[in-house]
Amino acid sequence: MIKNSFIPVISQKKKEEENPGSVEFQVFNFHNKILRLTSHLELHPKDYLSQRGLHIILGKRQRLLSYLSKKNKIRYKKLINQLGIRDSQIR
């Protein structure tokens, strides 16, 4: 796993937003963790603890995206397009 692979992208995001507690920043960090865990699980398919961690992070990201879509559709659509993730069906 390469830890430094997502640092330039985070620094680019920090220039736009200085608030690390914002929903966009949190979703962005979860997205990077998801990418790292999926690459790890490709190498280690029987690592069930990492699979569990991945499912937990996916749930957190989904809840944050659901919150953002209810509060501000424009910011939600912008974030979805920027990260390249598909629009989920909101319950």
N, C-alpha and C. Protein backbone atom coordinates (compact mmCIF):
# COMPACT_ATOMS: atom_id res chain seq x y z
N MET A 1 0.84 -1.18 0.00
CA MET A 1 0.00 0.00 0.00
C MET A 1 0.88 1.24 0.00
N ILE A 2 0.47 2.20 -0.76
CA ILE A 2 1.22 3.44 -0.86
C ILE A 2 0.43 4.53 -0.14
N LYS A 3 0.97 5.04 0.95
CA LYS A 3 0.26 6.04 1.73
C LYS A 3 0.34 7.43 1.09
N ASN A 4 1.41 7.70 0.39
CA ASN A 4 1.61 9.04 -0.15
C ASN A 4 0.87 9.28 -1.46
N SER A 5 0.14 8.30 -1.95
CA SER A 5 -0.49 8.44 -3.26
C SER A 5 -1.64 9.43 -3.25
N PHE A 6 -2.28 9.63 -2.10
CA PHE A 6 -3.45 10.50 -2.07
C PHE A 6 -3.17 11.84 -1.41
N ILE A 7 -1.97 12.09 -0.95
CA ILE A 7 -1.65 13.34 -0.27
C ILE A 7 -1.74 14.54 -1.21
N PRO A 8 -1.26 14.48 -2.45
CA PRO A 8 -1.40 15.65 -3.32
C PRO A 8 -2.85 16.00 -3.61
N VAL A 9 -3.71 15.00 -3.70
CA VAL A 9 -5.11 15.26 -3.98
C VAL A 9 -5.76 15.94 -2.77
N ILE A 10 -5.39 15.51 -1.57
CA ILE A 10 -5.94 16.13 -0.37
C ILE A 10 -5.46 17.57 -0.26
N SER A 11 -4.20 17.82 -0.59
CA SER A 11 -3.71 19.20 -0.52
C SER A 11 -4.42 20.08 -1.54
N GLN A 12 -4.77 19.49 -2.69
CA GLN A 12 -5.53 20.25 -3.69
C GLN A 12 -6.92 20.56 -3.15
N LYS A 13 -7.53 19.61 -2.46
CA LYS A 13 -8.86 19.82 -1.90
C LYS A 13 -8.80 20.84 -0.76
N LYS A 14 -7.70 20.85 0.01
CA LYS A 14 -7.57 21.80 1.12
C LYS A 14 -7.51 23.23 0.62
N LYS A 15 -6.96 23.42 -0.57
CA LYS A 15 -6.91 24.78 -1.11
C LYS A 15 -8.31 25.32 -1.34
N GLU A 16 -9.21 24.43 -1.78
CA GLU A 16 -10.58 24.86 -2.03
C GLU A 16 -11.34 25.05 -0.72
N GLU A 17 -11.13 24.14 0.21
CA GLU A 17 -11.84 24.20 1.49
C GLU A 17 -10.83 24.05 2.62
N GLU A 18 -10.90 24.93 3.57
CA GLU A 18 -9.99 24.86 4.70
C GLU A 18 -10.60 24.11 5.88
N ASN A 19 -11.87 23.72 5.78
CA ASN A 19 -12.55 23.08 6.88
C ASN A 19 -12.45 21.56 6.76
N PRO A 20 -11.62 20.90 7.58
CA PRO A 20 -11.52 19.45 7.49
C PRO A 20 -12.75 18.74 8.07
N GLY A 21 -13.65 19.46 8.70
CA GLY A 21 -14.85 18.86 9.24
C GLY A 21 -16.02 18.91 8.29
N SER A 22 -15.83 19.50 7.11
CA SER A 22 -16.93 19.60 6.17
C SER A 22 -17.27 18.23 5.60
N VAL A 23 -18.48 18.09 5.15
CA VAL A 23 -18.95 16.82 4.62
C VAL A 23 -18.13 16.41 3.40
N GLU A 24 -17.82 17.38 2.53
CA GLU A 24 -17.07 17.06 1.33
C GLU A 24 -15.69 16.52 1.67
N PHE A 25 -15.03 17.14 2.63
CA PHE A 25 -13.69 16.70 3.02
C PHE A 25 -13.74 15.30 3.63
N GLN A 26 -14.74 15.04 4.46
CA GLN A 26 -14.87 13.72 5.08
C GLN A 26 -15.14 12.65 4.03
N VAL A 27 -16.03 12.93 3.09
CA VAL A 27 -16.32 11.97 2.03
C VAL A 27 -15.08 11.73 1.18
N PHE A 28 -14.33 12.79 0.93
CA PHE A 28 -13.10 12.67 0.16
C PHE A 28 -12.10 11.76 0.86
N ASN A 29 -11.95 11.91 2.18
CA ASN A 29 -11.05 11.05 2.94
C ASN A 29 -11.53 9.61 2.95
N PHE A 30 -12.83 9.41 3.11
CA PHE A 30 -13.38 8.05 3.06
C PHE A 30 -13.14 7.43 1.69
N HIS A 31 -13.28 8.22 0.65
CA HIS A 31 -13.06 7.73 -0.71
C HIS A 31 -11.63 7.24 -0.88
N ASN A 32 -10.67 7.98 -0.35
CA ASN A 32 -9.27 7.56 -0.44
C ASN A 32 -9.02 6.29 0.36
N LYS A 33 -9.64 6.18 1.54
CA LYS A 33 -9.49 4.95 2.34
C LYS A 33 -10.08 3.76 1.62
N ILE A 34 -11.21 3.97 0.95
CA ILE A 34 -11.86 2.89 0.21
C ILE A 34 -10.96 2.42 -0.92
N LEU A 35 -10.35 3.35 -1.62
CA LEU A 35 -9.44 2.97 -2.71
C LEU A 35 -8.25 2.17 -2.20
N ARG A 36 -7.70 2.60 -1.06
CA ARG A 36 -6.56 1.87 -0.49
C ARG A 36 -6.97 0.48 -0.04
N LEU A 37 -8.13 0.35 0.60
CA LEU A 37 -8.57 -0.96 1.08
C LEU A 37 -8.91 -1.90 -0.07
N THR A 38 -9.49 -1.39 -1.13
CA THR A 38 -9.80 -2.26 -2.27
C THR A 38 -8.53 -2.77 -2.93
N SER A 39 -7.52 -1.92 -3.02
CA SER A 39 -6.25 -2.40 -3.59
C SER A 39 -5.60 -3.42 -2.66
N HIS A 40 -5.75 -3.24 -1.35
CA HIS A 40 -5.22 -4.21 -0.39
C HIS A 40 -5.95 -5.53 -0.51
N LEU A 41 -7.27 -5.48 -0.67
CA LEU A 41 -8.06 -6.71 -0.74
C LEU A 41 -7.86 -7.46 -2.05
N GLU A 42 -7.41 -6.78 -3.08
CA GLU A 42 -7.05 -7.49 -4.31
C GLU A 42 -5.84 -8.38 -4.09
N LEU A 43 -4.92 -7.93 -3.24
CA LEU A 43 -3.73 -8.73 -2.94
C LEU A 43 -4.00 -9.78 -1.88
N HIS A 44 -4.90 -9.48 -0.94
CA HIS A 44 -5.20 -10.35 0.19
C HIS A 44 -6.71 -10.61 0.26
N PRO A 45 -7.22 -11.50 -0.57
CA PRO A 45 -8.67 -11.68 -0.64
C PRO A 45 -9.30 -12.29 0.60
N LYS A 46 -8.52 -12.96 1.46
CA LYS A 46 -9.10 -13.59 2.64
C LYS A 46 -8.91 -12.76 3.91
N ASP A 47 -8.57 -11.51 3.77
CA ASP A 47 -8.41 -10.62 4.91
C ASP A 47 -9.79 -10.10 5.31
N TYR A 48 -10.46 -10.85 6.16
CA TYR A 48 -11.85 -10.55 6.49
C TYR A 48 -11.99 -9.33 7.39
N LEU A 49 -10.99 -9.04 8.19
CA LEU A 49 -11.06 -7.84 9.03
C LEU A 49 -11.00 -6.57 8.18
N SER A 50 -10.19 -6.61 7.13
CA SER A 50 -10.15 -5.46 6.23
C SER A 50 -11.45 -5.34 5.44
N GLN A 51 -12.06 -6.49 5.11
CA GLN A 51 -13.36 -6.44 4.43
C GLN A 51 -14.41 -5.79 5.32
N ARG A 52 -14.37 -6.13 6.60
CA ARG A 52 -15.31 -5.54 7.54
C ARG A 52 -15.08 -4.04 7.66
N GLY A 53 -13.82 -3.63 7.73
CA GLY A 53 -13.50 -2.21 7.78
C GLY A 53 -13.96 -1.47 6.54
N LEU A 54 -13.82 -2.13 5.39
CA LEU A 54 -14.27 -1.53 4.14
C LEU A 54 -15.78 -1.33 4.15
N HIS A 55 -16.52 -2.32 4.64
CA HIS A 55 -17.98 -2.20 4.70
C HIS A 55 -18.40 -1.08 5.66
N ILE A 56 -17.68 -0.93 6.75
CA ILE A 56 -18.00 0.14 7.70
C ILE A 56 -17.77 1.50 7.07
N ILE A 57 -16.64 1.66 6.39
CA ILE A 57 -16.32 2.94 5.75
C ILE A 57 -17.31 3.24 4.62
N LEU A 58 -17.70 2.21 3.86
CA LEU A 58 -18.69 2.41 2.81
C LEU A 58 -20.02 2.91 3.39
N GLY A 59 -20.41 2.36 4.54
CA GLY A 59 -21.64 2.80 5.18
C GLY A 59 -21.56 4.23 5.67
N LYS A 60 -20.41 4.60 6.22
CA LYS A 60 -20.23 5.98 6.68
C LYS A 60 -20.29 6.96 5.52
N ARG A 61 -19.63 6.58 4.41
CA ARG A 61 -19.65 7.45 3.24
C ARG A 61 -21.06 7.57 2.68
N GLN A 62 -21.79 6.49 2.67
CA GLN A 62 -23.15 6.51 2.16
C GLN A 62 -24.05 7.39 3.02
N ARG A 63 -23.88 7.32 4.33
CA ARG A 63 -24.69 8.17 5.22
C ARG A 63 -24.34 9.64 5.05
N LEU A 64 -23.06 9.96 4.89
CA LEU A 64 -22.67 11.35 4.67
C LEU A 64 -23.20 11.87 3.33
N LEU A 65 -23.14 11.03 2.31
CA LEU A 65 -23.67 11.45 1.01
C LEU A 65 -25.18 11.63 1.05
N SER A 66 -25.85 10.79 1.81
CA SER A 66 -27.30 10.93 1.95
C SER A 66 -27.64 12.24 2.66
N TYR A 67 -26.88 12.55 3.70
CA TYR A 67 -27.08 13.80 4.43
C TYR A 67 -26.86 14.99 3.50
N LEU A 68 -25.78 14.95 2.74
CA LEU A 68 -25.46 16.06 1.85
C LEU A 68 -26.51 16.22 0.76
N SER A 69 -27.03 15.11 0.25
CA SER A 69 -28.03 15.21 -0.81
C SER A 69 -29.33 15.81 -0.29
N LYS A 70 -29.63 15.58 0.98
CA LYS A 70 -30.85 16.17 1.55
C LYS A 70 -30.66 17.66 1.85
N LYS A 71 -29.46 18.05 2.24
CA LYS A 71 -29.21 19.43 2.63
C LYS A 71 -28.91 20.35 1.45
N ASN A 72 -28.10 19.85 0.50
CA ASN A 72 -27.68 20.72 -0.60
C ASN A 72 -27.41 19.86 -1.84
N LYS A 73 -28.37 19.84 -2.75
CA LYS A 73 -28.25 19.00 -3.95
C LYS A 73 -27.11 19.44 -4.86
N ILE A 74 -26.84 20.73 -4.93
CA ILE A 74 -25.80 21.23 -5.84
C ILE A 74 -24.43 20.76 -5.38
N ARG A 75 -24.13 20.90 -4.09
CA ARG A 75 -22.85 20.44 -3.56
C ARG A 75 -22.72 18.92 -3.70
N TYR A 76 -23.85 18.21 -3.51
CA TYR A 76 -23.86 16.75 -3.65
C TYR A 76 -23.51 16.33 -5.07
N LYS A 77 -24.16 16.94 -6.06
CA LYS A 77 -23.89 16.59 -7.45
C LYS A 77 -22.46 16.92 -7.85
N LYS A 78 -21.95 18.05 -7.35
CA LYS A 78 -20.57 18.45 -7.66
C LYS A 78 -19.58 17.43 -7.09
N LEU A 79 -19.83 16.99 -5.86
CA LEU A 79 -18.94 16.03 -5.21
C LEU A 79 -18.99 14.67 -5.90
N ILE A 80 -20.18 14.23 -6.27
CA ILE A 80 -20.34 12.96 -6.96
C ILE A 80 -19.58 12.97 -8.29
N ASN A 81 -19.71 14.07 -9.02
CA ASN A 81 -19.02 14.17 -10.30
C ASN A 81 -17.51 14.25 -10.12
N GLN A 82 -17.07 14.95 -9.09
CA GLN A 82 -15.63 15.11 -8.85
C GLN A 82 -14.98 13.78 -8.48
N LEU A 83 -15.65 12.99 -7.64
CA LEU A 83 -15.08 11.72 -7.20
C LEU A 83 -15.31 10.60 -8.20
N GLY A 84 -16.24 10.78 -9.09
CA GLY A 84 -16.49 9.74 -10.08
C GLY A 84 -17.24 8.55 -9.53
N ILE A 85 -18.06 8.77 -8.50
CA ILE A 85 -18.88 7.69 -7.96
C ILE A 85 -20.30 7.88 -8.42
N ARG A 86 -21.02 6.79 -8.50
CA ARG A 86 -22.37 6.89 -9.06
C ARG A 86 -23.35 7.41 -8.03
N ASP A 87 -24.44 7.95 -8.54
CA ASP A 87 -25.49 8.49 -7.70
C ASP A 87 -26.30 7.34 -7.12
N SER A 88 -26.36 7.24 -5.79
CA SER A 88 -27.06 6.14 -5.16
C SER A 88 -28.53 6.46 -4.98
N GLN A 89 -29.31 5.41 -4.86
CA GLN A 89 -30.74 5.59 -4.60
C GLN A 89 -30.92 5.89 -3.13
N ILE A 90 -31.53 7.00 -2.82
CA ILE A 90 -31.71 7.42 -1.44
C ILE A 90 -33.02 6.85 -0.92
N ARG A 91 -32.95 6.29 0.27
CA ARG A 91 -34.14 5.67 0.86
C ARG A 91 -35.03 6.72 1.45
